[in-house]
Protein backbone atom coordinates (compact mmCIF):
# COMPACT_ATOMS: atom_id res chain seq x y z
CA MET A 1 36.62 -17.89 -28.92
CA SER A 2 36.37 -14.72 -26.83
CA LYS A 3 33.99 -14.58 -23.86
CA SER A 4 31.97 -11.76 -25.47
CA LEU A 5 31.57 -13.68 -28.74
CA PHE A 6 30.54 -16.84 -26.87
CA THR A 7 27.94 -14.89 -24.87
CA THR A 8 26.57 -13.29 -28.06
CA LEU A 9 26.25 -16.66 -29.82
CA PHE A 10 24.69 -18.26 -26.76
CA LEU A 11 22.12 -15.49 -26.42
CA GLY A 12 21.33 -15.92 -30.10
CA VAL A 13 20.46 -19.56 -29.53
CA ILE A 14 18.24 -18.65 -26.58
CA ILE A 15 16.44 -16.02 -28.65
CA ILE A 16 15.66 -18.54 -31.40
CA VAL A 17 14.35 -21.11 -28.94
CA SER A 18 12.33 -18.46 -27.12
CA ILE A 19 10.70 -17.35 -30.36
CA VAL A 20 9.53 -20.92 -30.95
CA GLY A 21 7.87 -20.97 -27.55
CA TYR A 22 6.31 -17.57 -28.09
CA THR A 23 4.97 -18.64 -31.50
CA LEU A 24 3.27 -21.67 -29.95
CA TYR A 25 1.64 -19.40 -27.43
CA GLN A 26 0.44 -16.88 -30.02
CA GLN A 27 -1.08 -19.70 -32.05
CA GLY A 28 -2.94 -20.97 -29.01
CA ARG A 29 -1.14 -24.30 -29.10
CA VAL A 30 0.17 -24.46 -25.53
CA SER A 31 -1.75 -27.23 -23.79
CA ARG A 32 -1.35 -29.36 -20.70
CA ALA A 33 -0.02 -32.08 -23.00
CA ASP A 34 2.75 -29.72 -24.13
CA LEU A 35 3.78 -29.22 -20.52
CA ASP A 36 3.78 -32.97 -19.88
CA ASN A 37 6.32 -33.36 -22.68
CA LEU A 38 8.80 -30.87 -21.23
CA SER A 39 11.96 -32.00 -19.48
CA ALA A 40 10.77 -29.99 -16.48
CA THR A 41 8.37 -31.53 -13.98
CA VAL A 42 5.35 -29.22 -14.03
CA PHE A 43 2.98 -29.95 -11.16
CA ARG A 44 -0.65 -30.28 -12.16
CA SER A 45 -1.57 -28.71 -8.83
CA PRO A 46 1.08 -26.20 -7.73
CA ARG A 47 2.20 -26.96 -4.21
CA ALA A 48 1.56 -24.48 -1.40
CA ILE A 49 4.66 -23.30 0.47
CA LYS A 50 4.36 -22.89 4.22
CA ASP A 51 5.78 -19.84 5.90
CA PHE A 52 9.49 -19.58 6.56
CA GLU A 53 11.83 -16.85 7.79
CA LEU A 54 15.15 -16.18 6.07
CA THR A 55 17.32 -13.11 5.50
CA ASP A 56 18.40 -11.79 2.10
CA HIS A 57 21.90 -10.65 1.19
CA THR A 58 21.02 -7.04 2.02
CA GLY A 59 19.93 -7.94 5.55
CA LYS A 60 16.19 -7.73 4.91
CA PRO A 61 13.75 -10.45 6.02
CA PHE A 62 12.47 -12.80 3.33
CA THR A 63 9.40 -14.96 3.96
CA GLN A 64 6.87 -17.01 2.03
CA ALA A 65 4.92 -13.80 1.37
CA SER A 66 8.01 -12.38 -0.36
CA LEU A 67 7.59 -14.96 -3.12
CA LYS A 68 4.23 -13.62 -4.22
CA GLY A 69 3.76 -11.28 -7.17
CA ASN A 70 6.39 -12.64 -9.54
CA TRP A 71 7.92 -15.82 -10.92
CA SER A 72 10.99 -17.00 -9.02
CA PHE A 73 13.73 -19.43 -9.98
CA ILE A 74 15.21 -20.88 -6.79
CA PHE A 75 18.50 -22.73 -6.48
CA PHE A 76 20.08 -24.19 -3.33
CA GLY A 77 23.84 -23.91 -2.94
CA TYR A 78 26.66 -22.26 -1.01
CA THR A 79 29.32 -19.64 -1.69
CA ASN A 80 32.30 -21.99 -1.20
CA CYS A 81 30.96 -24.33 -3.89
CA PRO A 82 33.76 -24.84 -6.43
CA ASP A 83 31.78 -25.48 -9.60
CA VAL A 84 28.05 -26.28 -9.63
CA CYS A 85 26.91 -23.10 -7.89
CA PRO A 86 28.96 -20.53 -9.84
CA ASN A 87 28.14 -22.33 -13.08
CA THR A 88 24.43 -22.34 -12.27
CA LEU A 89 24.39 -18.68 -11.27
CA SER A 90 26.30 -17.73 -14.44
CA MET A 91 23.73 -19.64 -16.50
CA MET A 92 20.93 -17.89 -14.64
CA ASN A 93 22.51 -14.55 -15.53
CA ILE A 94 22.31 -15.46 -19.22
CA MET A 95 18.65 -16.34 -18.71
CA ALA A 96 17.95 -13.07 -16.89
CA VAL A 97 19.62 -10.95 -19.57
CA ASN A 98 17.69 -12.68 -22.32
CA LEU A 99 14.31 -12.45 -20.59
CA GLU A 100 14.84 -8.80 -19.70
CA GLN A 101 16.05 -7.69 -23.13
CA LYS A 102 13.87 -9.80 -25.39
CA GLN A 103 10.62 -9.69 -23.42
CA PRO A 104 10.49 -6.14 -22.03
CA ASP A 105 6.70 -6.34 -21.78
CA LYS A 106 7.02 -9.15 -19.23
CA GLN A 107 8.20 -8.89 -15.64
CA THR A 108 11.62 -10.52 -15.33
CA PRO A 109 11.57 -13.48 -12.94
CA ARG A 110 13.56 -13.34 -9.73
CA PHE A 111 16.62 -15.53 -9.42
CA ILE A 112 17.31 -16.72 -5.88
CA MET A 113 20.04 -18.79 -4.27
CA VAL A 114 19.24 -20.21 -0.83
CA SER A 115 22.41 -21.08 1.07
CA VAL A 116 22.52 -24.53 2.67
CA ASP A 117 25.63 -23.41 4.57
CA PRO A 118 24.35 -20.69 6.95
CA GLU A 119 27.33 -21.12 9.28
CA ARG A 120 29.71 -19.63 6.71
CA ASP A 121 27.25 -17.87 4.40
CA THR A 122 26.47 -14.82 6.48
CA VAL A 123 24.69 -11.78 5.08
CA LYS A 124 28.10 -10.15 4.61
CA GLN A 125 29.42 -13.14 2.67
CA LEU A 126 26.35 -13.32 0.43
CA SER A 127 26.40 -9.56 -0.17
CA ALA A 128 29.87 -9.91 -1.69
CA TYR A 129 29.08 -13.06 -3.65
CA ILE A 130 25.61 -12.71 -5.18
CA PRO A 131 25.98 -9.33 -6.99
CA TYR A 132 29.05 -10.66 -8.79
CA PHE A 133 26.70 -12.67 -10.99
CA ASN A 134 23.86 -10.16 -11.27
CA ASN A 135 22.93 -7.15 -9.16
CA ALA A 136 19.26 -8.17 -9.26
CA PHE A 137 19.85 -11.68 -7.92
CA ILE A 138 18.85 -12.53 -4.36
CA GLY A 139 20.83 -14.56 -1.86
CA LEU A 140 19.12 -16.02 1.20
CA THR A 141 20.52 -17.37 4.44
CA GLY A 142 19.32 -18.21 7.94
CA LYS A 143 20.49 -18.04 11.50
CA SER A 144 20.67 -21.82 11.71
CA SER A 145 20.36 -25.01 9.70
CA GLN A 146 16.92 -25.46 11.23
CA GLN A 147 15.71 -22.33 9.48
CA ILE A 148 17.13 -23.56 6.18
CA ASP A 149 15.56 -26.98 6.65
CA VAL A 150 12.09 -25.45 6.87
CA VAL A 151 12.59 -24.49 3.21
CA THR A 152 14.60 -27.43 1.89
CA LYS A 153 12.13 -29.99 3.22
CA GLN A 154 9.22 -28.25 1.51
CA PHE A 155 11.10 -28.14 -1.79
CA GLY A 156 12.41 -31.70 -1.45
CA ILE A 157 16.04 -30.59 -1.57
CA PRO A 158 18.58 -32.92 0.09
CA TYR A 159 22.00 -31.72 1.23
CA LEU A 160 24.82 -32.98 3.45
CA ILE A 161 27.46 -30.96 5.29
CA ASN A 162 30.68 -32.97 5.30
CA LYS A 163 32.52 -31.79 8.40
CA LYS A 164 35.55 -33.87 9.42
CA SER A 165 35.39 -32.44 12.94
CA PRO A 166 33.27 -29.92 14.87
CA ASP A 167 35.82 -27.16 14.25
CA ASP A 168 36.34 -27.96 10.56
CA THR A 169 35.91 -24.75 8.53
CA GLU A 170 37.07 -26.09 5.15
CA TYR A 171 34.25 -28.59 4.68
CA ASP A 172 32.32 -29.13 1.49
CA VAL A 173 28.56 -29.50 1.12
CA GLN A 174 26.80 -32.03 -1.07
CA HIS A 175 23.55 -30.62 -2.40
CA SER A 176 20.94 -31.01 -5.09
CA GLY A 177 21.47 -29.16 -8.35
CA ALA A 178 17.74 -28.85 -9.06
CA ILE A 179 16.18 -25.50 -9.89
CA LEU A 180 12.68 -24.83 -8.58
CA LEU A 181 10.12 -22.51 -10.13
CA VAL A 182 7.65 -20.66 -7.92
CA ASN A 183 4.66 -18.96 -9.54
CA PRO A 184 3.29 -15.47 -8.75
CA ASP A 185 0.83 -16.99 -6.27
CA GLY A 186 3.80 -18.09 -4.18
CA ASN A 187 3.31 -21.79 -4.93
CA LEU A 188 5.85 -24.34 -6.14
CA HIS A 189 5.02 -24.74 -9.82
CA ALA A 190 7.80 -26.77 -11.47
CA LEU A 191 11.14 -28.48 -10.97
CA PHE A 192 14.07 -28.51 -13.39
CA SER A 193 16.54 -31.34 -12.85
CA GLY A 194 20.14 -31.03 -13.97
CA PRO A 195 22.14 -30.84 -16.08
CA HIS A 196 20.80 -27.43 -17.00
CA ASP A 197 20.83 -25.59 -20.31
CA ALA A 198 19.96 -21.89 -20.40
CA ALA A 199 18.24 -22.04 -23.80
CA LYS A 200 16.03 -24.95 -22.78
CA LEU A 201 15.18 -23.36 -19.42
CA VAL A 202 14.11 -20.11 -21.08
CA SER A 203 12.03 -21.93 -23.69
CA GLU A 204 10.30 -24.19 -21.18
CA PHE A 205 9.71 -21.34 -18.75
CA ASN A 206 8.01 -19.35 -21.52
CA LEU A 207 5.64 -22.24 -22.24
CA ILE A 208 4.92 -22.73 -18.54
CA ARG A 209 4.25 -19.03 -18.05
CA TYR A 210 2.07 -18.76 -21.16
CA PHE A 211 -0.05 -21.72 -20.08
CA TYR A 212 -0.40 -20.21 -16.59
CA GLU A 213 -1.52 -16.88 -18.06
CA GLN A 214 -4.04 -18.58 -20.36
CA ASN A 215 -5.63 -20.33 -17.42
């Protein structure tokens, strides 16, 4: 099967699932009980995020205030990741295309990767890596692991840098594959544990967003 045909079929599945979620919303049937039955963990009281200071892949500062005003999907990874990170970002691209094309009346969420490997993931490295998946995606890094830890600890994201020696530059990084959802108020709203499926993520996000807008 060609890549273009696979993408077309996959988007078709997402569209069908999204329509189901939208129909539930239009019929006024999205309740807290519906959210409790999702595979996502939707916090009953969204969690406040304390201020942090990172830098995006264009060199601009990115803080807690930058999260306000839109929904944001946040993933923690690193550019030398061999599989999980590129696969997750590719899946996010399918989500972004679907949400932008099929719901033009809604603001498309932001898709953000926070690097847990700031030593290698400089602004220059992220600027070459992130746009490959989607020009609208955002990559974030810090000047030190301490800056990254201010964010990971708030989001409950564990990671481990496996250096064999202080001068090891070919190390790998073990990290969580969870995707976090931040609401337009800048608060942590939900957590999606892996393995991830683009169709399910789009459908569940629609229900979460519709319930948020109703209340």
